[in-house]
Amino acid sequence: MAFSVKSKKSGKTYYLHTKEVKLKGDRKQRIYYFAGAESKGAIDAIPAGYETMENKKTGLPMLRKKKK
C-alpha cells in the first residue's frame, strides 16, 4: 500500500511516488511527487529526513526536508 496523505483543504487523497529523471550532462536524480491515483512508482514510506506539508493556497501535499 502506497503512502497517502489526505488534503485538509479539498479532502482528496494523494499518493507518494518516485522516479529517476535524467538531467543535463546525463546526471540522474530521484524525484518524489504526489499523484491523485496510485500507479507505477508508488512507494510505501516517506524517505528518511523528509516530512509532508500542505500548500496553503492549493491544498496540494509536498515533501520538504525536516526542520531542525
PDB file of N, CA and C in Angstrom:
ATOM      1  N   MET A   1       0.849  -1.185   0.000  1.00  0.00           N
ATOM      2  CA  MET A   1       0.000   0.000   0.000  1.00  0.00           C
ATOM      3  C   MET A   1       0.889   1.240   0.000  1.00  0.00           C
ATOM      4  N   ALA A   2       0.639   2.138  -0.892  1.00  0.00           N
ATOM      5  CA  ALA A   2       1.445   3.348  -1.029  1.00  0.00           C
ATOM      6  C   ALA A   2       1.133   4.333   0.100  1.00  0.00           C
ATOM      7  N   PHE A   3       2.136   5.144   0.439  1.00  0.00           N
ATOM      8  CA  PHE A   3       1.950   6.190   1.446  1.00  0.00           C
ATOM      9  C   PHE A   3       0.958   7.203   0.887  1.00  0.00           C
ATOM     10  N   SER A   4      -0.026   7.574   1.704  1.00  0.00           N
ATOM     11  CA  SER A   4      -1.036   8.522   1.234  1.00  0.00           C
ATOM     12  C   SER A   4      -1.244   9.646   2.249  1.00  0.00           C
ATOM     13  N   VAL A   5      -1.705  10.781   1.727  1.00  0.00           N
ATOM     14  CA  VAL A   5      -1.999  11.964   2.531  1.00  0.00           C
ATOM     15  C   VAL A   5      -3.339  12.494   2.070  1.00  0.00           C
ATOM     16  N   LYS A   6      -4.178  12.873   3.034  1.00  0.00           N
ATOM     17  CA  LYS A   6      -5.471  13.453   2.693  1.00  0.00           C
ATOM     18  C   LYS A   6      -5.377  14.966   2.855  1.00  0.00           C
ATOM     19  N   SER A   7      -5.762  15.699   1.814  1.00  0.00           N
ATOM     20  CA  SER A   7      -5.705  17.158   1.827  1.00  0.00           C
ATOM     21  C   SER A   7      -6.748  17.709   2.793  1.00  0.00           C
ATOM     22  N   LYS A   8      -6.337  18.630   3.632  1.00  0.00           N
ATOM     23  CA  LYS A   8      -7.264  19.261   4.572  1.00  0.00           C
ATOM     24  C   LYS A   8      -8.193  20.219   3.847  1.00  0.00           C
ATOM     25  N   LYS A   9      -7.713  20.828   2.764  1.00  0.00           N
ATOM     26  CA  LYS A   9      -8.491  21.817   2.025  1.00  0.00           C
ATOM     27  C   LYS A   9      -9.538  21.179   1.114  1.00  0.00           C
ATOM     28  N   SER A  10      -9.129  20.183   0.312  1.00  0.00           N
ATOM     29  CA  SER A  10     -10.042  19.595  -0.667  1.00  0.00           C
ATOM     30  C   SER A  10     -10.635  18.256  -0.240  1.00  0.00           C
ATOM     31  N   GLY A  11      -9.968  17.574   0.695  1.00  0.00           N
ATOM     32  CA  GLY A  11     -10.442  16.266   1.131  1.00  0.00           C
ATOM     33  C   GLY A  11     -10.001  15.127   0.226  1.00  0.00           C
ATOM     34  N   LYS A  12      -9.235  15.428  -0.837  1.00  0.00           N
ATOM     35  CA  LYS A  12      -8.753  14.408  -1.763  1.00  0.00           C
ATOM     36  C   LYS A  12      -7.560  13.677  -1.164  1.00  0.00           C
ATOM     37  N   THR A  13      -7.370  12.433  -1.579  1.00  0.00           N
ATOM     38  CA  THR A  13      -6.243  11.633  -1.141  1.00  0.00           C
ATOM     39  C   THR A  13      -5.180  11.623  -2.226  1.00  0.00           C
ATOM     40  N   TYR A  14      -3.926  11.830  -1.834  1.00  0.00           N
ATOM     41  CA  TYR A  14      -2.801  11.841  -2.758  1.00  0.00           C
ATOM     42  C   TYR A  14      -1.801  10.776  -2.332  1.00  0.00           C
ATOM     43  N   TYR A  15      -1.166  10.119  -3.319  1.00  0.00           N
ATOM     44  CA  TYR A  15      -0.235   9.022  -3.081  1.00  0.00           C
ATOM     45  C   TYR A  15       1.177   9.441  -3.484  1.00  0.00           C
ATOM     46  N   LEU A  16       2.153   9.036  -2.664  1.00  0.00           N
ATOM     47  CA  LEU A  16       3.548   9.398  -2.890  1.00  0.00           C
ATOM     48  C   LEU A  16       4.175   8.474  -3.927  1.00  0.00           C
ATOM     49  N   HIS A  17       4.855   9.071  -4.925  1.00  0.00           N
ATOM     50  CA  HIS A  17       5.534   8.343  -5.986  1.00  0.00           C
ATOM     51  C   HIS A  17       6.977   8.817  -6.091  1.00  0.00           C
ATOM     52  N   THR A  18       7.793   8.023  -6.756  1.00  0.00           N
ATOM     53  CA  THR A  18       9.172   8.399  -7.022  1.00  0.00           C
ATOM     54  C   THR A  18       9.571   7.907  -8.403  1.00  0.00           C
ATOM     55  N   LYS A  19      10.532   8.592  -9.007  1.00  0.00           N
ATOM     56  CA  LYS A  19      11.129   8.124 -10.253  1.00  0.00           C
ATOM     57  C   LYS A  19      12.464   8.818 -10.446  1.00  0.00           C
ATOM     58  N   GLU A  20      13.303   8.202 -11.289  1.00  0.00           N
ATOM     59  CA  GLU A  20      14.593   8.804 -11.613  1.00  0.00           C
ATOM     60  C   GLU A  20      14.454   9.547 -12.926  1.00  0.00           C
ATOM     61  N   VAL A  21      14.927  10.784 -12.936  1.00  0.00           N
ATOM     62  CA  VAL A  21      14.901  11.596 -14.150  1.00  0.00           C
ATOM     63  C   VAL A  21      16.333  11.865 -14.593  1.00  0.00           C
ATOM     64  N   LYS A  22      16.480  12.088 -15.882  1.00  0.00           N
ATOM     65  CA  LYS A  22      17.796  12.346 -16.453  1.00  0.00           C
ATOM     66  C   LYS A  22      17.938  13.854 -16.666  1.00  0.00           C
ATOM     67  N   LEU A  23      18.988  14.426 -16.098  1.00  0.00           N
ATOM     68  CA  LEU A  23      19.256  15.856 -16.206  1.00  0.00           C
ATOM     69  C   LEU A  23      20.336  16.110 -17.257  1.00  0.00           C
ATOM     70  N   LYS A  24      20.638  17.380 -17.472  1.00  0.00           N
ATOM     71  CA  LYS A  24      21.707  17.720 -18.408  1.00  0.00           C
ATOM     72  C   LYS A  24      23.007  17.057 -17.977  1.00  0.00           C
ATOM     73  N   GLY A  25      23.817  16.695 -18.942  1.00  0.00           N
ATOM     74  CA  GLY A  25      25.080  16.047 -18.629  1.00  0.00           C
ATOM     75  C   GLY A  25      24.902  14.600 -18.222  1.00  0.00           C
ATOM     76  N   ASP A  26      23.771  14.013 -18.555  1.00  0.00           N
ATOM     77  CA  ASP A  26      23.448  12.613 -18.231  1.00  0.00           C
ATOM     78  C   ASP A  26      23.444  12.304 -16.739  1.00  0.00           C
ATOM     79  N   ARG A  27      23.272  13.338 -15.919  1.00  0.00           N
ATOM     80  CA  ARG A  27      23.175  13.130 -14.476  1.00  0.00           C
ATOM     81  C   ARG A  27      21.770  12.640 -14.142  1.00  0.00           C
ATOM     82  N   LYS A  28      21.672  11.683 -13.231  1.00  0.00           N
ATOM     83  CA  LYS A  28      20.374  11.161 -12.812  1.00  0.00           C
ATOM     84  C   LYS A  28      20.031  11.681 -11.432  1.00  0.00           C
ATOM     85  N   GLN A  29      18.744  11.959 -11.211  1.00  0.00           N
ATOM     86  CA  GLN A  29      18.283  12.438  -9.915  1.00  0.00           C
ATOM     87  C   GLN A  29      16.939  11.794  -9.601  1.00  0.00           C
ATOM     88  N   ARG A  30      16.756  11.399  -8.354  1.00  0.00           N
ATOM     89  CA  ARG A  30      15.490  10.816  -7.916  1.00  0.00           C
ATOM     90  C   ARG A  30      14.567  11.941  -7.458  1.00  0.00           C
ATOM     91  N   ILE A  31      13.343  11.944  -7.990  1.00  0.00           N
ATOM     92  CA  ILE A  31      12.358  12.938  -7.584  1.00  0.00           C
ATOM     93  C   ILE A  31      11.197  12.247  -6.886  1.00  0.00           C
ATOM     94  N   TYR A  32      10.534  12.979  -6.013  1.00  0.00           N
ATOM     95  CA  TYR A  32       9.356  12.499  -5.288  1.00  0.00           C
ATOM     96  C   TYR A  32       8.202  13.425  -5.620  1.00  0.00           C
ATOM     97  N   TYR A  33       7.012  12.843  -5.816  1.00  0.00           N
ATOM     98  CA  TYR A  33       5.838  13.652  -6.131  1.00  0.00           C
ATOM     99  C   TYR A  33       4.579  12.950  -5.646  1.00  0.00           C
ATOM    100  N   PHE A  34       3.521  13.720  -5.460  1.00  0.00           N
ATOM    101  CA  PHE A  34       2.235  13.181  -5.063  1.00  0.00           C
ATOM    102  C   PHE A  34       1.308  13.178  -6.273  1.00  0.00           C
ATOM    103  N   ALA A  35       0.532  12.099  -6.417  1.00  0.00           N
ATOM    104  CA  ALA A  35      -0.427  11.976  -7.508  1.00  0.00           C
ATOM    105  C   ALA A  35      -1.773  11.562  -6.931  1.00  0.00           C
ATOM    106  N   GLY A  36      -2.823  11.859  -7.670  1.00  0.00           N
ATOM    107  CA  GLY A  36      -4.172  11.560  -7.211  1.00  0.00           C
ATOM    108  C   GLY A  36      -4.551  10.096  -7.293  1.00  0.00           C
ATOM    109  N   ALA A  37      -3.799   9.303  -8.047  1.00  0.00           N
ATOM    110  CA  ALA A  37      -4.077   7.875  -8.173  1.00  0.00           C
ATOM    111  C   ALA A  37      -2.795   7.093  -7.905  1.00  0.00           C
ATOM    112  N   GLU A  38      -2.959   5.926  -7.325  1.00  0.00           N
ATOM    113  CA  GLU A  38      -1.815   5.064  -7.051  1.00  0.00           C
ATOM    114  C   GLU A  38      -1.446   4.339  -8.344  1.00  0.00           C
ATOM    115  N   SER A  39      -0.187   4.468  -8.785  1.00  0.00           N
ATOM    116  CA  SER A  39       0.243   3.838 -10.030  1.00  0.00           C
ATOM    117  C   SER A  39       1.691   3.376  -9.892  1.00  0.00           C
ATOM    118  N   LYS A  40       2.296   3.017 -11.033  1.00  0.00           N
ATOM    119  CA  LYS A  40       3.681   2.558 -11.036  1.00  0.00           C
ATOM    120  C   LYS A  40       4.582   3.630 -10.428  1.00  0.00           C
ATOM    121  N   GLY A  41       5.476   3.231  -9.553  1.00  0.00           N
ATOM    122  CA  GLY A  41       6.378   4.171  -8.901  1.00  0.00           C
ATOM    123  C   GLY A  41       5.916   4.588  -7.511  1.00  0.00           C
ATOM    124  N   ALA A  42       4.749   4.096  -7.073  1.00  0.00           N
ATOM    125  CA  ALA A  42       4.250   4.433  -5.733  1.00  0.00           C
ATOM    126  C   ALA A  42       5.149   3.790  -4.689  1.00  0.00           C
ATOM    127  N   ILE A  43       5.410   4.520  -3.597  1.00  0.00           N
ATOM    128  CA  ILE A  43       6.270   3.992  -2.531  1.00  0.00           C
ATOM    129  C   ILE A  43       5.497   3.942  -1.211  1.00  0.00           C
ATOM    130  N   ASP A  44       5.981   3.091  -0.298  1.00  0.00           N
ATOM    131  CA  ASP A  44       5.267   2.804   0.948  1.00  0.00           C
ATOM    132  C   ASP A  44       5.550   3.771   2.092  1.00  0.00           C
ATOM    133  N   ALA A  45       6.655   4.510   2.018  1.00  0.00           N
ATOM    134  CA  ALA A  45       7.020   5.363   3.153  1.00  0.00           C
ATOM    135  C   ALA A  45       7.724   6.630   2.678  1.00  0.00           C
ATOM    136  N   ILE A  46       7.723   7.615   3.531  1.00  0.00           N
ATOM    137  CA  ILE A  46       8.434   8.869   3.264  1.00  0.00           C
ATOM    138  C   ILE A  46       9.932   8.599   3.382  1.00  0.00           C
ATOM    139  N   PRO A  47      10.750   9.168   2.493  1.00  0.00           N
ATOM    140  CA  PRO A  47      12.200   8.982   2.615  1.00  0.00           C
ATOM    141  C   PRO A  47      12.721   9.574   3.933  1.00  0.00           C
ATOM    142  N   ALA A  48      13.785   8.998   4.435  1.00  0.00           N
ATOM    143  CA  ALA A  48      14.383   9.468   5.688  1.00  0.00           C
ATOM    144  C   ALA A  48      14.818  10.915   5.557  1.00  0.00           C
ATOM    145  N   GLY A  49      14.524  11.701   6.586  1.00  0.00           N
ATOM    146  CA  GLY A  49      14.931  13.100   6.607  1.00  0.00           C
ATOM    147  C   GLY A  49      13.920  14.049   5.988  1.00  0.00           C
ATOM    148  N   TYR A  50      12.763  13.537   5.565  1.00  0.00           N
ATOM    149  CA  TYR A  50      11.733  14.377   4.951  1.00  0.00           C
ATOM    150  C   TYR A  50      10.438  14.318   5.743  1.00  0.00           C
ATOM    151  N   GLU A  51       9.585  15.309   5.529  1.00  0.00           N
ATOM    152  CA  GLU A  51       8.263  15.344   6.139  1.00  0.00           C
ATOM    153  C   GLU A  51       7.274  15.905   5.114  1.00  0.00           C
ATOM    154  N   THR A  52       5.992  15.680   5.336  1.00  0.00           N
ATOM    155  CA  THR A  52       4.985  16.201   4.422  1.00  0.00           C
ATOM    156  C   THR A  52       4.460  17.534   4.942  1.00  0.00           C
ATOM    157  N   MET A  53       4.021  18.350   4.006  1.00  0.00           N
ATOM    158  CA  MET A  53       3.374  19.613   4.340  1.00  0.00           C
ATOM    159  C   MET A  53       2.316  19.863   3.278  1.00  0.00           C
ATOM    160  N   GLU A  54       1.425  20.791   3.534  1.00  0.00           N
ATOM    161  CA  GLU A  54       0.383  21.111   2.567  1.00  0.00           C
ATOM    162  C   GLU A  54       0.500  22.568   2.149  1.00  0.00           C
ATOM    163  N   ASN A  55       0.445  22.820   0.842  1.00  0.00           N
ATOM    164  CA  ASN A  55       0.464  24.175   0.321  1.00  0.00           C
ATOM    165  C   ASN A  55      -0.824  24.863   0.758  1.00  0.00           C
ATOM    166  N   LYS A  56      -0.722  25.995   1.427  1.00  0.00           N
ATOM    167  CA  LYS A  56      -1.900  26.667   1.989  1.00  0.00           C
ATOM    168  C   LYS A  56      -2.858  27.163   0.915  1.00  0.00           C
ATOM    169  N   LYS A  57      -2.336  27.607  -0.228  1.00  0.00           N
ATOM    170  CA  LYS A  57      -3.194  28.134  -1.296  1.00  0.00           C
ATOM    171  C   LYS A  57      -3.895  27.036  -2.082  1.00  0.00           C
ATOM    172  N   THR A  58      -3.138  26.017  -2.492  1.00  0.00           N
ATOM    173  CA  THR A  58      -3.690  24.996  -3.377  1.00  0.00           C
ATOM    174  C   THR A  58      -4.196  23.757  -2.655  1.00  0.00           C
ATOM    175  N   GLY A  59      -3.702  23.488  -1.453  1.00  0.00           N
ATOM    176  CA  GLY A  59      -4.093  22.295  -0.719  1.00  0.00           C
ATOM    177  C   GLY A  59      -3.345  21.058  -1.163  1.00  0.00           C
ATOM    178  N   LEU A  60      -2.342  21.206  -2.044  1.00  0.00           N
ATOM    179  CA  LEU A  60      -1.576  20.059  -2.531  1.00  0.00           C
ATOM    180  C   LEU A  60      -0.479  19.688  -1.541  1.00  0.00           C
ATOM    181  N   PRO A  61      -0.271  18.393  -1.325  1.00  0.00           N
ATOM    182  CA  PRO A  61       0.798  17.959  -0.418  1.00  0.00           C
ATOM    183  C   PRO A  61       2.165  18.071  -1.093  1.00  0.00           C
ATOM    184  N   MET A  62       3.192  18.276  -0.277  1.00  0.00           N
ATOM    185  CA  MET A  62       4.563  18.386  -0.764  1.00  0.00           C
ATOM    186  C   MET A  62       5.486  17.737   0.263  1.00  0.00           C
ATOM    187  N   LEU A  63       6.678  17.359  -0.183  1.00  0.00           N
ATOM    188  CA  LEU A  63       7.717  16.873   0.716  1.00  0.00           C
ATOM    189  C   LEU A  63       8.700  18.002   0.956  1.00  0.00           C
ATOM    190  N   ARG A  64       9.229  18.056   2.160  1.00  0.00           N
ATOM    191  CA  ARG A  64      10.303  19.004   2.463  1.00  0.00           C
ATOM    192  C   ARG A  64      11.238  18.356   3.453  1.00  0.00           C
ATOM    193  N   LYS A  65      12.462  18.859   3.497  1.00  0.00           N
ATOM    194  CA  LYS A  65      13.406  18.340   4.470  1.00  0.00           C
ATOM    195  C   LYS A  65      12.941  18.733   5.861  1.00  0.00           C
ATOM    196  N   LYS A  66      13.168  17.834   6.820  1.00  0.00           N
ATOM    197  CA  LYS A  66      12.752  18.115   8.196  1.00  0.00           C
ATOM    198  C   LYS A  66      13.502  19.316   8.734  1.00  0.00           C
ATOM    199  N   LYS A  67      12.758  20.162   9.445  1.00  0.00           N
ATOM    200  CA  LYS A  67      13.380  21.314  10.078  1.00  0.00           C
ATOM    201  C   LYS A  67      14.085  20.882  11.346  1.00  0.00           C
ATOM    202  N   LYS A  68      15.194  21.502  11.623  1.00  0.00           N
ATOM    203  CA  LYS A  68      15.987  21.141  12.808  1.00  0.00           C
ATOM    204  C   LYS A  68      15.433  21.777  14.047  1.00  0.00           C
TER     205      LYS A  68
END
